Amino acid sequence: MTRVVLSEEAELDALTAFRFYEERREGLGERFRDHVGIAFGRIQASPELSPIIYRGLRRKLVERFPYAILYRVYPGLVYVVAIMHAKQNPAIWKRRASGGEPG
């Protein structure tokens, strides 16, 4: 099975979104986390199914939340560069896509 690795920035993205939703309504952050987990499972099962949106970077939308998981596919590995809100400035994930690679 393909291994999914998150960049430090992607981990922070997920934590920030979780806290935001949890502050809005108790349990909503957990629902967000669950839907991100479902998206990760789908990425693991078929990493090349999601469309390429920028220089080999793929996008998987998170159901029921306005977020996308942005990742690159390597042999046996999916490297997540961002978990971004749909209205966030695309320059942020483009910068990340040009930067760090999996360690």
N, C-alpha and C. Protein backbone atom coordinates (compact mmCIF):
# COMPACT_ATOMS: atom_id res chain seq x y z
N MET A 1 0.85 -1.19 0.00
CA MET A 1 0.00 0.00 0.00
C MET A 1 0.89 1.25 0.00
N THR A 2 0.42 2.26 -0.66
CA THR A 2 1.14 3.53 -0.74
C THR A 2 1.14 4.21 0.62
N ARG A 3 2.31 4.70 1.01
CA ARG A 3 2.46 5.41 2.28
C ARG A 3 2.18 6.89 2.06
N VAL A 4 1.45 7.52 2.98
CA VAL A 4 1.15 8.95 2.91
C VAL A 4 1.99 9.66 3.97
N VAL A 5 2.76 10.67 3.53
CA VAL A 5 3.59 11.46 4.42
C VAL A 5 3.19 12.92 4.26
N LEU A 6 2.99 13.59 5.39
CA LEU A 6 2.62 15.01 5.37
C LEU A 6 3.84 15.88 5.66
N SER A 7 3.96 16.96 4.91
CA SER A 7 4.98 17.95 5.24
C SER A 7 4.60 18.59 6.57
N GLU A 8 5.55 19.24 7.22
CA GLU A 8 5.24 19.93 8.48
C GLU A 8 4.16 20.99 8.25
N GLU A 9 4.23 21.66 7.11
CA GLU A 9 3.23 22.70 6.80
C GLU A 9 1.85 22.10 6.65
N ALA A 10 1.75 20.93 5.99
CA ALA A 10 0.45 20.28 5.82
C ALA A 10 -0.11 19.83 7.17
N GLU A 11 0.75 19.34 8.05
CA GLU A 11 0.30 18.96 9.39
C GLU A 11 -0.26 20.18 10.12
N LEU A 12 0.41 21.31 9.99
CA LEU A 12 -0.06 22.55 10.62
C LEU A 12 -1.37 23.01 10.00
N ASP A 13 -1.49 22.88 8.68
CA ASP A 13 -2.75 23.22 8.00
C ASP A 13 -3.91 22.44 8.60
N ALA A 14 -3.71 21.12 8.74
CA ALA A 14 -4.78 20.25 9.25
C ALA A 14 -5.13 20.60 10.70
N LEU A 15 -4.12 20.85 11.50
CA LEU A 15 -4.36 21.19 12.90
C LEU A 15 -5.09 22.53 13.03
N THR A 16 -4.70 23.50 12.23
CA THR A 16 -5.33 24.82 12.25
C THR A 16 -6.80 24.71 11.85
N ALA A 17 -7.08 23.95 10.79
CA ALA A 17 -8.47 23.78 10.35
C ALA A 17 -9.28 23.03 11.40
N PHE A 18 -8.69 21.99 11.99
CA PHE A 18 -9.37 21.23 13.05
C PHE A 18 -9.77 22.16 14.19
N ARG A 19 -8.83 22.97 14.65
CA ARG A 19 -9.12 23.89 15.76
C ARG A 19 -10.19 24.92 15.39
N PHE A 20 -10.11 25.43 14.16
CA PHE A 20 -11.09 26.40 13.69
C PHE A 20 -12.50 25.81 13.78
N TYR A 21 -12.68 24.60 13.22
CA TYR A 21 -14.00 23.98 13.21
C TYR A 21 -14.45 23.58 14.62
N GLU A 22 -13.52 23.12 15.42
CA GLU A 22 -13.87 22.70 16.77
C GLU A 22 -14.31 23.90 17.62
N GLU A 23 -13.70 25.08 17.39
CA GLU A 23 -14.10 26.29 18.10
C GLU A 23 -15.48 26.75 17.66
N ARG A 24 -15.83 26.50 16.42
CA ARG A 24 -17.14 26.90 15.92
C ARG A 24 -18.25 26.06 16.51
N ARG A 25 -17.99 24.75 16.57
CA ARG A 25 -18.99 23.83 17.14
C ARG A 25 -18.29 22.56 17.58
N GLU A 26 -18.48 22.19 18.82
CA GLU A 26 -17.85 20.99 19.36
C GLU A 26 -18.21 19.78 18.50
N GLY A 27 -17.20 19.03 18.13
CA GLY A 27 -17.39 17.84 17.31
C GLY A 27 -17.20 18.10 15.82
N LEU A 28 -17.30 19.36 15.39
CA LEU A 28 -17.14 19.67 13.97
C LEU A 28 -15.70 19.46 13.52
N GLY A 29 -14.76 19.77 14.39
CA GLY A 29 -13.35 19.52 14.07
C GLY A 29 -13.09 18.04 13.86
N GLU A 30 -13.73 17.22 14.69
CA GLU A 30 -13.57 15.77 14.53
C GLU A 30 -14.18 15.28 13.22
N ARG A 31 -15.30 15.87 12.83
CA ARG A 31 -15.90 15.50 11.53
C ARG A 31 -14.97 15.89 10.39
N PHE A 32 -14.34 17.08 10.50
CA PHE A 32 -13.37 17.51 9.50
C PHE A 32 -12.24 16.49 9.42
N ARG A 33 -11.69 16.13 10.58
CA ARG A 33 -10.58 15.16 10.62
C ARG A 33 -11.01 13.83 10.00
N ASP A 34 -12.23 13.38 10.27
CA ASP A 34 -12.71 12.13 9.69
C ASP A 34 -12.77 12.21 8.18
N HIS A 35 -13.26 13.32 7.65
CA HIS A 35 -13.37 13.45 6.19
C HIS A 35 -12.00 13.58 5.53
N VAL A 36 -11.05 14.21 6.22
CA VAL A 36 -9.68 14.25 5.71
C VAL A 36 -9.12 12.82 5.69
N GLY A 37 -9.41 12.06 6.73
CA GLY A 37 -8.97 10.66 6.76
C GLY A 37 -9.55 9.83 5.63
N ILE A 38 -10.80 10.05 5.33
CA ILE A 38 -11.43 9.35 4.20
C ILE A 38 -10.74 9.72 2.90
N ALA A 39 -10.44 11.01 2.73
CA ALA A 39 -9.74 11.46 1.52
C ALA A 39 -8.36 10.83 1.43
N PHE A 40 -7.64 10.74 2.57
CA PHE A 40 -6.33 10.08 2.56
C PHE A 40 -6.46 8.62 2.15
N GLY A 41 -7.49 7.95 2.63
CA GLY A 41 -7.71 6.55 2.25
C GLY A 41 -7.92 6.40 0.75
N ARG A 42 -8.66 7.31 0.17
CA ARG A 42 -8.90 7.27 -1.28
C ARG A 42 -7.62 7.57 -2.04
N ILE A 43 -6.83 8.50 -1.52
CA ILE A 43 -5.54 8.82 -2.15
C ILE A 43 -4.64 7.59 -2.10
N GLN A 44 -4.58 6.93 -0.95
CA GLN A 44 -3.74 5.73 -0.81
C GLN A 44 -4.17 4.65 -1.79
N ALA A 45 -5.46 4.46 -1.94
CA ALA A 45 -5.98 3.41 -2.82
C ALA A 45 -5.69 3.69 -4.29
N SER A 46 -5.78 4.95 -4.70
CA SER A 46 -5.59 5.33 -6.11
C SER A 46 -4.93 6.70 -6.19
N PRO A 47 -3.64 6.78 -5.89
CA PRO A 47 -2.99 8.08 -5.81
C PRO A 47 -2.98 8.88 -7.11
N GLU A 48 -3.04 8.20 -8.24
CA GLU A 48 -2.96 8.91 -9.51
C GLU A 48 -4.34 9.25 -10.09
N LEU A 49 -5.38 8.99 -9.34
CA LEU A 49 -6.74 9.27 -9.81
C LEU A 49 -7.08 10.75 -9.76
N SER A 50 -6.57 11.47 -8.78
CA SER A 50 -6.86 12.90 -8.65
C SER A 50 -6.14 13.69 -9.75
N PRO A 51 -6.75 14.79 -10.19
CA PRO A 51 -6.16 15.54 -11.31
C PRO A 51 -4.89 16.29 -10.91
N ILE A 52 -4.00 16.41 -11.88
CA ILE A 52 -2.81 17.24 -11.72
C ILE A 52 -3.25 18.69 -11.95
N ILE A 53 -2.91 19.56 -11.02
CA ILE A 53 -3.33 20.95 -11.15
C ILE A 53 -2.17 21.92 -11.36
N TYR A 54 -0.95 21.46 -11.05
CA TYR A 54 0.20 22.36 -11.17
C TYR A 54 1.49 21.56 -11.07
N ARG A 55 2.24 21.49 -12.14
CA ARG A 55 3.58 20.89 -12.14
C ARG A 55 3.67 19.57 -11.38
N GLY A 56 2.79 18.65 -11.70
CA GLY A 56 2.80 17.34 -11.07
C GLY A 56 2.08 17.27 -9.73
N LEU A 57 1.58 18.39 -9.26
CA LEU A 57 0.87 18.44 -7.98
C LEU A 57 -0.59 18.05 -8.22
N ARG A 58 -1.08 17.13 -7.42
CA ARG A 58 -2.46 16.64 -7.54
C ARG A 58 -3.33 17.21 -6.44
N ARG A 59 -4.63 17.25 -6.71
CA ARG A 59 -5.59 17.81 -5.75
C ARG A 59 -6.72 16.82 -5.50
N LYS A 60 -6.93 16.52 -4.20
CA LYS A 60 -8.07 15.71 -3.78
C LYS A 60 -8.95 16.58 -2.89
N LEU A 61 -10.19 16.76 -3.30
CA LEU A 61 -11.11 17.57 -2.50
C LEU A 61 -11.60 16.78 -1.30
N VAL A 62 -11.79 17.48 -0.19
CA VAL A 62 -12.31 16.88 1.04
C VAL A 62 -13.83 17.05 1.00
N GLU A 63 -14.54 15.94 1.09
CA GLU A 63 -16.00 16.00 1.04
C GLU A 63 -16.56 16.77 2.24
N ARG A 64 -17.60 17.57 1.96
CA ARG A 64 -18.38 18.32 2.96
C ARG A 64 -17.64 19.48 3.61
N PHE A 65 -16.39 19.72 3.22
CA PHE A 65 -15.62 20.85 3.73
C PHE A 65 -14.91 21.50 2.55
N PRO A 66 -14.74 22.82 2.59
CA PRO A 66 -14.11 23.51 1.45
C PRO A 66 -12.58 23.44 1.50
N TYR A 67 -12.06 22.24 1.57
CA TYR A 67 -10.61 22.01 1.65
C TYR A 67 -10.16 21.05 0.57
N ALA A 68 -8.89 21.18 0.22
CA ALA A 68 -8.27 20.27 -0.74
C ALA A 68 -6.94 19.79 -0.18
N ILE A 69 -6.62 18.55 -0.47
CA ILE A 69 -5.33 17.98 -0.13
C ILE A 69 -4.49 18.04 -1.40
N LEU A 70 -3.34 18.69 -1.31
CA LEU A 70 -2.44 18.86 -2.46
C LEU A 70 -1.22 17.98 -2.23
N TYR A 71 -0.92 17.13 -3.21
CA TYR A 71 0.13 16.13 -3.01
C TYR A 71 0.84 15.76 -4.30
N ARG A 72 2.01 15.15 -4.11
CA ARG A 72 2.79 14.58 -5.21
C ARG A 72 2.88 13.08 -5.01
N VAL A 73 2.96 12.36 -6.12
CA VAL A 73 3.07 10.91 -6.08
C VAL A 73 4.50 10.51 -6.43
N TYR A 74 5.07 9.68 -5.59
CA TYR A 74 6.38 9.08 -5.80
C TYR A 74 6.21 7.58 -5.73
N PRO A 75 7.16 6.80 -6.20
CA PRO A 75 7.03 5.34 -6.09
C PRO A 75 6.83 4.91 -4.63
N GLY A 76 5.66 4.34 -4.32
CA GLY A 76 5.34 3.86 -2.99
C GLY A 76 5.05 4.93 -1.96
N LEU A 77 4.96 6.19 -2.39
CA LEU A 77 4.82 7.29 -1.45
C LEU A 77 3.95 8.41 -2.02
N VAL A 78 3.10 8.95 -1.17
CA VAL A 78 2.36 10.18 -1.47
C VAL A 78 2.85 11.22 -0.49
N TYR A 79 3.32 12.36 -1.01
CA TYR A 79 3.84 13.43 -0.17
C TYR A 79 2.86 14.60 -0.21
N VAL A 80 2.22 14.89 0.92
CA VAL A 80 1.22 15.95 1.02
C VAL A 80 1.94 17.26 1.33
N VAL A 81 1.76 18.25 0.44
CA VAL A 81 2.41 19.55 0.65
C VAL A 81 1.48 20.54 1.33
N ALA A 82 0.17 20.34 1.22
CA ALA A 82 -0.77 21.30 1.82
C ALA A 82 -2.14 20.68 1.99
N ILE A 83 -2.85 21.19 3.00
CA ILE A 83 -4.28 20.92 3.18
C ILE A 83 -4.89 22.32 3.28
N MET A 84 -5.39 22.79 2.15
CA MET A 84 -5.71 24.20 2.02
C MET A 84 -7.21 24.46 1.84
N HIS A 85 -7.65 25.59 2.40
CA HIS A 85 -9.02 26.05 2.18
C HIS A 85 -9.15 26.46 0.72
N ALA A 86 -10.29 26.21 0.14
CA ALA A 86 -10.51 26.48 -1.28
C ALA A 86 -10.33 27.95 -1.66
N LYS A 87 -10.54 28.85 -0.71
CA LYS A 87 -10.41 30.27 -1.02
C LYS A 87 -9.06 30.86 -0.63
N GLN A 88 -8.15 30.00 -0.20
CA GLN A 88 -6.82 30.48 0.19
C GLN A 88 -6.01 30.85 -1.05
N ASN A 89 -5.13 31.78 -0.90
CA ASN A 89 -4.30 32.27 -2.01
C ASN A 89 -3.49 31.12 -2.62
N PRO A 90 -3.65 30.85 -3.92
CA PRO A 90 -2.91 29.75 -4.54
C PRO A 90 -1.40 29.95 -4.54
N ALA A 91 -0.94 31.16 -4.35
CA ALA A 91 0.51 31.40 -4.31
C ALA A 91 1.14 30.61 -3.15
N ILE A 92 0.38 30.37 -2.09
CA ILE A 92 0.91 29.64 -0.93
C ILE A 92 1.25 28.21 -1.33
N TRP A 93 0.29 27.50 -1.94
CA TRP A 93 0.60 26.12 -2.29
C TRP A 93 1.54 26.01 -3.48
N LYS A 94 1.55 27.00 -4.35
CA LYS A 94 2.52 26.97 -5.46
C LYS A 94 3.94 27.11 -4.93
N ARG A 95 4.12 27.94 -3.90
CA ARG A 95 5.44 28.07 -3.28
C ARG A 95 5.85 26.75 -2.65
N ARG A 96 4.93 26.13 -1.95
CA ARG A 96 5.22 24.85 -1.32
C ARG A 96 5.53 23.77 -2.34
N ALA A 97 4.80 23.79 -3.46
CA ALA A 97 5.00 22.79 -4.50
C ALA A 97 6.39 22.89 -5.11
N SER A 98 6.95 24.07 -5.08
CA SER A 98 8.28 24.29 -5.65
C SER A 98 9.38 24.00 -4.64
N GLY A 99 8.99 23.84 -3.39
CA GLY A 99 9.97 23.71 -2.32
C GLY A 99 10.28 22.29 -1.95
N GLY A 100 10.16 22.01 -0.65
CA GLY A 100 10.61 20.76 -0.06
C GLY A 100 10.03 19.49 -0.64
N GLU A 101 10.86 18.49 -0.65
CA GLU A 101 10.47 17.16 -1.10
C GLU A 101 10.53 16.22 0.11
N PRO A 102 9.97 15.04 -0.04
CA PRO A 102 9.97 14.12 1.10
C PRO A 102 11.39 13.74 1.52
N GLY A 103 11.55 13.57 2.83
CA GLY A 103 12.87 13.25 3.37
C GLY A 103 13.18 11.79 3.41
